[in-house]
C-alpha cells in the first residue's frame, strides 16, 4: 500500500541503519552500512556519509521503498560546514570533538554562567559553537566561505530536500540556543562573534522540512515528493520511543554511553547538573550522556581476553548469583572524561582493591557495577524524590543479569524495552507524527508488554554500602 510506511534512518558513529516501518511499529525491511571513517567520534567525511545513506536506502527491499510515505532521520551530534551550494567545507566534526572548547570558554568569559544557563548547558563540552570558533581560528579563509553551520542530520535533510533547517533539540546541542524560547541566543552569538545568518531556522522535530525532488528520489529509489520530517539527535529521538510522553519514567538508553532522559514541565526547574533540551514530542527534557559506560565495559572485555562485552557478560552469568561488590574491586569506568552529572572533562578511570585472588570475571563485574553507579548518580539528580521507574533500552535490557543488577543498584523498578533499535523506532514515530499519521502497537508505551525487574531489598541494601564506598573515588 503506497505511502503507508515510514523510512527511519539512524546515523550512528559506527554505522548507518535504515528501516521501513509500518504504523504498528513492525519492521518491514532493514539495512545497515558500516562507517569505518567515524568510529572515533571526532571527525567524519560528510560526502561519504551521504554515499552511505544512499547505499543503505537502496539496500531496502524494493516493495518497501515503493511504500514509503514519510522520512525522518535520527543522527549523532556533530557539525558540518556548508558553502553556498550546500557542499561541505572540510571534514565534519563528531560528537566527541572538543578542540574549540578553550576558545568558547575564553569568548564567554565572565558571562559564562549566565549564558550557559540560557543555553540549558551546565558545562562547555563542545558543540557547533566551539567547532566554529576552532575552524575560524585555524582556517579563516575557508571559514569565510561558510554559509550554513548544521548537524550531520541537518546536512542529510538538506541533501534530501534542498532546504536548510534544524530542529530545536539539535539547535540546543550547538551550545548557542536559548532553549526555553526555542531560538538562537543573541548574547551567545554576540560573545562568540558568530553571524546569526550562519545558523538555520529552528523547527519542531515533527515539522516537515520539504519533500524529495525527482533527482534525489531516483538516486535513493524512493517515491518523488515524499515528505521529509525534521528529526533530531539519536539519543533523544530514541527516548521518544522508550518513554513517549510519560513523566513517570526516566529513559536509560544503554550503549557505548548511557543516555538518560526525563521529562520536565519547566526548564527553569530542571536540575542544575542536567542538560535541558526541547523534547521532540513537545515540552522539555533534562539529562545527558554519562560518558563511557558500555564503552568501558567493552574495553575491559577486550583487555581481559573475552573479546567483546557479550562474552564477558556471559562469563558473569555463569557465576550468578553475583555477590555485590565484586570482591572489593571498585572501578570508575571513565575513558574520555566524566559527563552527566559530574561534568569533569579531565577525569580518568580507576580500578582499586585488587588482590591476588581476583579473577578476570571479577574485574568485569566491577566494570558492570561501575557503569550502573554512574547511571545512579544521574538518575538520582533527575529524580531525588525517587518516585520514577527506569525504562531501560539497549544491551543491558537484553541481559536479565544486567537488568537485575541495575534495579538493585538504582533501588528502583526497571521497565525493560527489548527493542534493539530505539533510535530507528523513534525516528519512525517522528516521521509518522510529522504527517499526522496514527500509530499504535509497538509505538504505544502504555500498551507494550515489557518485563519489569523489581529490585531485591537485600541486594539494594548491600549495594547501598558498595555505592558509598565507590563514591570515595
Protein backbone atom coordinates (compact mmCIF):
# COMPACT_ATOMS: atom_id res chain seq x y z
CA UNK A 1 0.00 0.00 0.00
CA UNK A 2 1.91 3.10 -1.24
CA UNK A 3 2.58 5.76 1.35
CA UNK A 4 1.80 3.55 4.36
CA UNK A 5 5.38 3.17 5.62
CA UNK A 6 7.90 5.44 7.32
CA UNK A 7 11.55 5.45 6.32
CA UNK A 8 13.60 5.78 9.50
CA UNK A 9 17.34 6.46 9.24
CA UNK A 10 19.69 6.28 12.23
CA UNK A 11 23.14 7.81 11.73
CA UNK A 12 25.46 6.47 14.42
CA UNK A 13 29.22 6.75 14.75
CA UNK A 14 29.72 3.11 13.80
CA UNK A 15 27.00 2.57 11.18
CA UNK A 16 24.06 3.99 9.26
CA UNK A 17 20.89 1.96 9.64
CA UNK A 18 17.62 2.30 7.77
CA UNK A 19 14.23 0.67 8.19
CA UNK A 20 10.84 0.76 6.53
CA UNK A 21 8.38 0.70 9.44
CA UNK A 22 4.60 0.37 9.44
CA UNK A 23 2.26 2.33 11.78
CA UNK A 24 2.11 -0.61 14.21
CA UNK A 25 5.88 -0.49 14.70
CA UNK A 26 6.62 -3.55 12.59
CA UNK A 27 9.95 -3.50 10.73
CA UNK A 28 9.13 -4.34 7.11
CA UNK A 29 12.69 -4.09 5.75
CA UNK A 30 16.02 -3.12 7.31
CA UNK A 31 19.56 -2.39 6.12
CA UNK A 32 22.89 -1.37 7.64
CA UNK A 33 26.11 0.16 6.29
CA UNK A 34 29.27 0.41 8.38
CA UNK A 35 31.02 3.78 8.92
CA UNK A 36 34.73 2.99 9.37
CA UNK A 37 35.65 6.68 8.98
CA UNK A 38 33.78 7.90 12.07
CA UNK A 39 34.41 5.42 14.88
CA UNK A 40 36.45 7.94 16.87
CA UNK A 41 33.52 10.32 17.23
CA UNK A 42 35.94 13.15 16.38
CA UNK A 43 35.73 13.62 12.59
CA UNK A 44 33.93 12.15 9.59
CA UNK A 45 33.58 12.69 5.85
CA UNK A 46 30.17 14.29 5.08
CA UNK A 47 30.25 13.31 1.41
CA UNK A 48 30.98 9.71 2.36
CA UNK A 49 28.10 9.88 4.85
CA UNK A 50 25.75 10.87 2.05
CA UNK A 51 27.00 7.93 -0.04
CA UNK A 52 26.41 5.62 2.92
CA UNK A 53 22.83 6.90 3.25
CA UNK A 54 22.24 6.33 -0.47
CA UNK A 55 23.59 2.78 -0.16
CA UNK A 56 21.57 1.89 2.93
CA UNK A 57 18.33 3.21 1.41
CA UNK A 58 18.91 1.37 -1.86
CA UNK A 59 19.53 -1.83 0.13
CA UNK A 60 15.95 -1.90 1.45
CA UNK A 61 13.51 -4.20 -0.30
CA UNK A 62 12.07 -2.64 -3.46
CA UNK A 63 8.44 -3.09 -2.41
CA UNK A 64 9.19 -1.47 0.96
CA UNK A 65 10.84 1.52 -0.74
CA UNK A 66 7.82 1.90 -3.00
CA UNK A 67 5.56 2.15 0.07
CA UNK A 68 7.45 4.94 1.84
CA UNK A 69 5.22 7.92 2.67
CA UNK A 70 7.33 9.87 5.18
CA UNK A 71 11.00 10.12 6.19
CA UNK A 72 12.85 11.12 9.38
CA UNK A 73 16.47 10.89 10.47
CA UNK A 74 18.00 10.46 13.92
CA UNK A 75 21.68 11.37 13.93
CA UNK A 76 24.64 11.71 16.23
CA UNK A 77 25.65 15.15 17.45
CA UNK A 78 28.23 16.94 15.33
CA UNK A 79 28.92 19.81 12.96
CA UNK A 80 29.04 20.23 9.18
CA UNK A 81 30.08 23.49 7.50
CA UNK A 82 28.29 24.18 4.19
CA UNK A 83 29.08 26.58 1.34
CA UNK A 84 26.54 28.47 -0.76
CA UNK A 85 25.86 25.34 -2.86
CA UNK A 86 25.26 23.29 0.32
CA UNK A 87 28.53 21.42 -0.23
CA UNK A 88 30.63 20.52 2.84
CA UNK A 89 33.76 22.53 3.60
CA UNK A 90 36.37 20.38 5.29
CA UNK A 91 35.67 17.35 7.47
CA UNK A 92 32.61 17.04 9.65
CA UNK A 93 33.15 17.23 13.37
CA UNK A 94 31.77 14.44 15.56
CA UNK A 95 30.09 14.23 18.94
CA UNK A 96 33.42 13.83 20.80
CA UNK A 97 35.05 16.92 19.25
CA UNK A 98 36.26 19.30 21.98
CA UNK A 99 39.01 21.17 20.11
CA UNK A 100 37.24 24.54 20.28
CA UNK A 101 36.23 24.38 23.96
CA UNK A 102 39.07 26.67 25.21
CA UNK A 103 38.16 29.26 22.57
CA UNK A 104 34.49 29.16 23.58
CA UNK A 105 35.37 29.43 27.27
CA UNK A 106 37.52 32.48 26.51
CA UNK A 107 34.77 34.07 24.39
CA UNK A 108 32.12 33.70 27.11
CA UNK A 109 34.47 34.89 29.84
CA UNK A 110 32.80 36.30 32.95
CA UNK A 111 29.33 35.87 31.42
CA UNK A 112 29.80 32.11 31.10
CA UNK A 113 27.42 31.08 33.90
CA UNK A 114 24.60 33.34 32.75
CA UNK A 115 24.90 32.36 29.08
CA UNK A 116 25.21 28.64 29.79
CA UNK A 117 22.03 28.71 31.89
CA UNK A 118 20.21 30.27 28.96
CA UNK A 119 21.58 27.53 26.70
CA UNK A 120 20.50 24.77 29.11
CA UNK A 121 24.10 23.64 29.50
CA UNK A 122 25.80 23.01 32.85
CA UNK A 123 29.24 22.92 31.24
CA UNK A 124 31.01 23.64 27.95
CA UNK A 125 31.67 20.25 26.36
CA UNK A 126 31.86 21.03 22.64
CA UNK A 127 29.14 21.56 20.05
CA UNK A 128 28.89 23.60 16.87
CA UNK A 129 29.73 26.87 18.61
CA UNK A 130 33.10 25.56 19.79
CA UNK A 131 33.74 23.83 16.46
CA UNK A 132 33.03 27.04 14.55
CA UNK A 133 35.45 29.05 16.68
CA UNK A 134 38.17 26.44 16.15
CA UNK A 135 37.59 26.40 12.36
CA UNK A 136 37.60 30.21 12.19
CA UNK A 137 40.84 30.36 14.20
CA UNK A 138 42.69 27.66 12.25
CA UNK A 139 41.45 28.30 8.69
CA UNK A 140 39.94 31.79 8.43
CA UNK A 141 39.93 31.86 4.61
CA UNK A 142 37.96 28.63 4.39
CA UNK A 143 35.64 29.72 7.19
CA UNK A 144 34.83 32.87 5.19
CA UNK A 145 33.17 30.58 2.60
CA UNK A 146 30.79 29.05 5.16
CA UNK A 147 27.13 29.90 4.59
CA UNK A 148 25.49 27.43 6.99
CA UNK A 149 26.52 25.51 10.11
CA UNK A 150 24.41 22.39 10.63
CA UNK A 151 24.34 18.99 12.33
CA UNK A 152 25.07 15.78 10.36
CA UNK A 153 21.34 15.04 10.35
CA UNK A 154 20.53 18.52 9.02
CA UNK A 155 23.14 18.12 6.28
CA UNK A 156 21.37 14.97 5.13
CA UNK A 157 17.95 16.64 5.27
CA UNK A 158 19.36 19.46 3.13
CA UNK A 159 20.61 16.92 0.58
CA UNK A 160 17.21 15.24 0.55
CA UNK A 161 15.11 18.40 0.23
CA UNK A 162 17.35 21.32 -0.76
CA UNK A 163 16.16 23.10 2.41
CA UNK A 164 18.46 24.12 5.28
CA UNK A 165 16.79 23.87 8.69
CA UNK A 166 17.36 22.37 12.12
CA UNK A 167 15.21 21.03 14.92
CA UNK A 168 15.06 22.62 18.37
CA UNK A 169 16.90 19.75 20.09
CA UNK A 170 19.82 19.71 17.65
CA UNK A 171 19.99 23.50 17.98
CA UNK A 172 20.32 23.13 21.75
CA UNK A 173 23.34 20.87 21.29
CA UNK A 174 25.21 23.63 19.42
CA UNK A 175 25.53 25.44 22.75
CA UNK A 176 24.24 28.62 21.09
CA UNK A 177 20.47 28.30 21.55
CA UNK A 178 18.14 29.95 24.02
CA UNK A 179 16.46 26.72 25.00
CA UNK A 180 13.35 27.98 26.80
CA UNK A 181 12.45 30.26 23.87
CA UNK A 182 13.40 27.71 21.17
CA UNK A 183 15.54 30.21 19.28
CA UNK A 184 19.14 31.35 18.87
CA UNK A 185 20.71 33.26 21.75
CA UNK A 186 21.75 36.77 20.73
CA UNK A 187 24.06 37.05 23.75
CA UNK A 188 25.95 33.88 22.85
CA UNK A 189 26.25 34.88 19.20
CA UNK A 190 27.50 38.32 20.20
CA UNK A 191 30.06 36.87 22.63
CA UNK A 192 31.40 34.47 20.01
CA UNK A 193 31.16 36.97 17.12
CA UNK A 194 29.41 34.33 15.02
CA UNK A 195 26.99 35.60 12.39
CA UNK A 196 23.40 34.60 13.19
CA UNK A 197 22.81 34.09 9.46
CA UNK A 198 25.06 31.01 9.57
CA UNK A 199 22.58 29.15 11.75
CA UNK A 200 19.38 27.84 10.13
CA UNK A 201 15.84 28.41 11.26
CA UNK A 202 14.63 26.12 14.03
CA UNK A 203 11.62 23.82 13.68
CA UNK A 204 9.91 21.23 15.87
CA UNK A 205 11.28 17.72 15.28
CA UNK A 206 7.89 16.71 13.86
CA UNK A 207 7.71 19.51 11.26
CA UNK A 208 8.01 18.74 7.56
CA UNK A 209 11.11 20.48 6.16
CA UNK A 210 10.48 19.69 2.49
CA UNK A 211 9.95 16.85 0.03
CA UNK A 212 12.15 14.61 -2.09
CA UNK A 213 12.82 16.00 -5.53
CA UNK A 214 12.91 13.85 -8.66
CA UNK A 215 16.71 13.55 -8.87
CA UNK A 216 17.21 12.55 -5.23
CA UNK A 217 14.24 10.18 -5.39
CA UNK A 218 15.79 8.40 -8.35
CA UNK A 219 19.17 8.18 -6.57
CA UNK A 220 17.61 6.64 -3.46
CA UNK A 221 14.94 4.57 -5.19
CA UNK A 222 12.17 6.30 -3.23
CA UNK A 223 8.88 7.92 -4.29
CA UNK A 224 9.26 11.51 -5.52
CA UNK A 225 7.53 14.11 -3.36
CA UNK A 226 7.87 12.12 -0.11
CA UNK A 227 7.75 14.46 2.93
CA UNK A 228 10.96 14.72 4.97
CA UNK A 229 10.41 15.49 8.66
CA UNK A 230 12.96 17.44 10.71
CA UNK A 231 14.03 14.59 13.06
CA UNK A 232 16.58 15.03 15.84
CA UNK A 233 19.59 13.73 17.80
CA UNK A 234 19.77 9.96 18.04
CA UNK A 235 19.74 9.58 21.83
CA UNK A 236 16.82 11.93 22.39
CA UNK A 237 14.89 10.51 19.45
CA UNK A 238 15.45 7.04 20.89
CA UNK A 239 13.98 8.23 24.18
CA UNK A 240 10.75 9.23 22.42
CA UNK A 241 10.19 5.57 21.60
CA UNK A 242 11.26 4.33 25.04
CA UNK A 243 9.15 6.65 27.24
CA UNK A 244 6.91 8.54 24.82
CA UNK A 245 5.36 11.39 26.81
CA UNK A 246 5.36 9.70 30.23
CA UNK A 247 6.80 11.76 33.07
CA UNK A 248 6.83 8.80 35.48
CA UNK A 249 9.67 7.13 33.58
CA UNK A 250 13.32 8.03 33.06
CA UNK A 251 14.79 6.62 29.86
CA UNK A 252 18.17 4.92 30.09
CA UNK A 253 19.37 4.12 26.58
CA UNK A 254 22.41 1.98 27.36
CA UNK A 255 25.11 1.70 24.74
CA UNK A 256 28.67 2.97 24.49
CA UNK A 257 27.38 5.62 26.87
CA UNK A 258 24.15 5.70 28.85
CA UNK A 259 21.82 8.46 27.66
CA UNK A 260 19.44 9.48 30.47
CA UNK A 261 16.30 11.44 29.60
CA UNK A 262 13.48 12.56 31.88
CA UNK A 263 10.66 14.97 31.07
CA UNK A 264 10.39 18.31 32.86
CA UNK A 265 7.49 20.74 32.76
CA UNK A 266 9.54 23.88 33.30
CA UNK A 267 13.13 24.15 32.03
CA UNK A 268 13.91 26.55 34.86
CA UNK A 269 13.05 23.81 37.37
CA UNK A 270 15.47 21.27 35.88
CA UNK A 271 18.47 20.21 38.00
CA UNK A 272 21.50 22.46 37.57
CA UNK A 273 23.67 19.45 36.67
CA UNK A 274 21.43 18.39 33.76
CA UNK A 275 21.37 19.40 30.13
CA UNK A 276 17.97 20.84 29.24
CA UNK A 277 16.61 20.31 25.73
CA UNK A 278 13.36 20.84 23.88
CA UNK A 279 11.81 17.38 23.70
CA UNK A 280 10.99 16.12 20.18
CA UNK A 281 7.37 15.34 21.13
CA UNK A 282 6.84 18.68 22.89
CA UNK A 283 7.83 20.19 26.23
CA UNK A 284 11.33 19.80 27.62
CA UNK A 285 13.65 17.05 28.81
CA UNK A 286 16.57 17.00 31.23
CA UNK A 287 19.50 14.64 31.49
CA UNK A 288 22.51 13.87 29.37
CA UNK A 289 25.02 11.25 28.32
CA UNK A 290 27.05 9.80 31.17
CA UNK A 291 30.30 9.28 29.28
CA UNK A 292 31.86 5.89 28.60
CA UNK A 293 29.95 3.19 30.47
CA UNK A 294 29.26 0.42 27.98
CA UNK A 295 32.36 1.59 26.12
CA UNK A 296 34.48 0.98 29.20
CA UNK A 297 33.00 -2.50 29.64
CA UNK A 298 33.87 -3.28 26.01
CA UNK A 299 37.44 -2.11 26.54
CA UNK A 300 37.90 -4.16 29.71
CA UNK A 301 36.38 -7.20 27.98
CA UNK A 302 38.96 -6.88 25.20
CA UNK A 303 41.88 -6.29 27.58
CA UNK A 304 40.92 -9.30 29.68
CA UNK A 305 40.70 -11.62 26.69
CA UNK A 306 36.93 -12.01 26.46
CA UNK A 307 36.83 -10.42 23.02
CA UNK A 308 33.60 -8.49 23.44
CA UNK A 309 31.11 -7.35 26.05
CA UNK A 310 28.62 -10.11 25.30
CA UNK A 311 31.16 -12.84 26.01
CA UNK A 312 32.28 -11.07 29.19
CA UNK A 313 28.70 -10.78 30.46
CA UNK A 314 28.09 -14.44 29.62
CA UNK A 315 31.02 -15.29 31.91
CA UNK A 316 29.29 -13.37 34.70
CA UNK A 317 26.01 -15.18 34.08
CA UNK A 318 27.85 -18.43 34.65
CA UNK A 319 28.75 -17.21 38.15
CA UNK A 320 25.27 -15.99 39.12
CA UNK A 321 24.06 -15.08 41.63
CA UNK A 322 26.73 -12.41 41.94
CA UNK A 323 27.77 -11.16 45.35
CA UNK A 324 27.51 -7.34 45.43
CA UNK A 325 30.83 -5.54 45.34
CA UNK A 326 32.99 -7.73 43.06
CA UNK A 327 35.05 -8.99 45.97
CA UNK A 328 36.15 -5.49 46.96
CA UNK A 329 37.02 -4.23 43.47
CA UNK A 330 35.85 -0.71 42.63
CA UNK A 331 36.02 0.54 39.04
CA UNK A 332 35.32 4.04 37.74
CA UNK A 333 34.59 3.49 34.02
CA UNK A 334 35.65 6.91 32.74
CA UNK A 335 37.68 6.80 29.49
CA UNK A 336 37.09 10.25 27.96
CA UNK A 337 36.13 12.45 30.88
CA UNK A 338 33.03 12.36 33.05
CA UNK A 339 29.87 13.86 31.61
CA UNK A 340 26.39 13.95 33.17
CA UNK A 341 26.12 14.61 36.05
CA UNK A 342 29.74 15.32 37.10
CA UNK A 343 30.92 17.26 34.01
CA UNK A 344 34.62 16.72 34.67
CA UNK A 345 36.23 16.57 31.20
CA UNK A 346 39.67 15.60 32.53
CA UNK A 347 38.53 12.85 34.92
CA UNK A 348 40.18 9.48 34.32
CA UNK A 349 39.10 5.92 35.01
CA UNK A 350 40.36 3.98 38.01
CA UNK A 351 40.44 0.45 39.42
CA UNK A 352 41.22 -0.18 43.07
CA UNK A 353 41.04 -3.02 45.54
CA UNK A 354 42.91 -5.69 43.55
CA UNK A 355 44.14 -8.79 45.37
CA UNK A 356 45.78 -11.98 44.23
CA UNK A 357 42.55 -14.00 44.40
CA UNK A 358 40.68 -11.77 41.94
CA UNK A 359 39.91 -13.26 38.53
CA UNK A 360 39.14 -11.62 35.19
CA UNK A 361 35.40 -12.04 35.76
CA UNK A 362 35.67 -10.05 39.00
CA UNK A 363 37.00 -7.09 37.02
CA UNK A 364 34.15 -7.47 34.53
CA UNK A 365 31.69 -7.40 37.44
CA UNK A 366 33.37 -4.27 38.80
CA UNK A 367 33.06 -2.64 35.35
CA UNK A 368 29.36 -3.52 35.14
CA UNK A 369 28.75 -2.24 38.67
CA UNK A 370 30.78 0.92 37.99
CA UNK A 371 28.66 1.70 34.93
CA UNK A 372 25.48 1.26 36.99
CA UNK A 373 26.86 3.52 39.74
CA UNK A 374 27.46 6.27 37.17
CA UNK A 375 23.87 5.85 35.98
CA UNK A 376 22.63 6.03 39.58
CA UNK A 377 24.37 9.38 40.05
CA UNK A 378 22.49 10.79 37.07
CA UNK A 379 19.13 9.21 37.89
CA UNK A 380 19.23 10.48 41.47
CA UNK A 381 19.92 14.00 40.17
CA UNK A 382 16.92 13.81 37.84
CA UNK A 383 14.60 12.30 40.47
CA UNK A 384 15.85 12.95 44.02
CA UNK A 385 12.41 12.02 45.40
CA UNK A 386 12.95 8.50 43.95
CA UNK A 387 9.44 8.31 42.50
CA UNK A 388 10.26 7.41 38.88
CA UNK A 389 10.94 4.00 37.40
CA UNK A 390 13.69 3.40 34.85
CA UNK A 391 12.84 2.45 31.27
CA UNK A 392 15.94 0.54 30.17
CA UNK A 393 16.82 0.07 26.50
CA UNK A 394 19.95 -1.13 24.75
CA UNK A 395 22.27 -4.01 25.51
CA UNK A 396 21.67 -4.01 29.27
CA UNK A 397 17.93 -4.51 28.69
CA UNK A 398 18.60 -7.75 26.84
CA UNK A 399 20.50 -9.36 29.72
CA UNK A 400 18.41 -10.41 32.71
CA UNK A 401 21.52 -10.34 34.91
CA UNK A 402 22.44 -6.76 33.92
CA UNK A 403 18.85 -5.57 34.24
CA UNK A 404 18.55 -7.06 37.74
CA UNK A 405 21.87 -5.52 38.72
CA UNK A 406 20.63 -2.10 37.51
CA UNK A 407 17.41 -2.48 39.53
CA UNK A 408 19.34 -3.47 42.66
CA UNK A 409 21.92 -0.67 42.37
CA UNK A 410 19.37 2.02 41.45
CA UNK A 411 16.89 0.76 44.03
CA UNK A 412 14.07 1.28 41.52
CA UNK A 413 11.87 -0.86 39.27
CA UNK A 414 13.36 -1.28 35.80
CA UNK A 415 10.94 -1.45 32.88
CA UNK A 416 12.56 -3.35 30.01
CA UNK A 417 12.38 -2.13 26.43
CA UNK A 418 13.51 -5.09 24.38
CA UNK A 419 13.61 -3.21 21.06
CA UNK A 420 17.28 -3.15 19.95
CA UNK A 421 16.88 -0.20 17.57
CA UNK A 422 15.18 2.50 19.63
CA UNK A 423 16.67 5.40 17.62
CA UNK A 424 15.30 3.89 14.42
CA UNK A 425 11.90 3.37 16.00
CA UNK A 426 11.93 6.88 17.46
CA UNK A 427 12.70 8.28 14.01
CA UNK A 428 9.79 6.30 12.58
CA UNK A 429 7.48 7.65 15.30
CA UNK A 430 8.55 11.22 14.50
CA UNK A 431 8.14 10.59 10.76
CA UNK A 432 4.54 9.46 11.28
CA UNK A 433 3.81 12.35 13.66
CA UNK A 434 5.11 14.75 11.03
CA UNK A 435 2.42 13.81 8.53
CA UNK A 436 -0.33 13.36 11.11
CA UNK A 437 -0.49 9.58 10.70
CA UNK A 438 -1.93 7.47 13.51
CA UNK A 439 0.36 4.94 15.20
CA UNK A 440 -0.29 2.15 17.68
CA UNK A 441 1.11 -1.24 18.62
CA UNK A 442 4.81 -1.03 19.49
CA UNK A 443 4.68 2.78 19.38
CA UNK A 444 2.27 2.91 22.33
CA UNK A 445 4.33 2.87 25.55
CA UNK A 446 1.26 2.10 27.63
CA UNK A 447 0.20 -0.90 25.53
CA UNK A 448 3.54 -2.68 25.16
CA UNK A 449 4.06 -5.74 27.35
CA UNK A 450 7.53 -5.14 28.74
CA UNK A 451 9.14 -7.08 31.51
CA UNK A 452 9.53 -5.27 34.82
CA UNK A 453 12.50 -6.12 37.02
CA UNK A 454 11.90 -5.37 40.69
CA UNK A 455 14.82 -4.53 42.98
CA UNK A 456 15.73 -7.16 45.56
CA UNK A 457 15.54 -5.49 49.01
CA UNK A 458 18.54 -7.34 50.47
CA UNK A 459 20.73 -6.60 47.46
CA UNK A 460 19.57 -2.97 47.39
CA UNK A 461 20.84 -2.61 50.95
CA UNK A 462 24.13 -4.34 50.14
CA UNK A 463 24.68 -2.17 47.09
CA UNK A 464 23.95 0.98 49.07
CA UNK A 465 27.13 0.34 51.05
CA UNK A 466 29.15 -0.58 47.94
CA UNK A 467 27.95 2.56 46.16
CA UNK A 468 29.01 4.75 49.09
CA UNK A 469 32.45 3.15 49.02
CA UNK A 470 32.68 3.57 45.22
CA UNK A 471 31.86 7.28 45.54
CA UNK A 472 35.02 7.78 47.61
CA UNK A 473 36.85 7.76 44.26
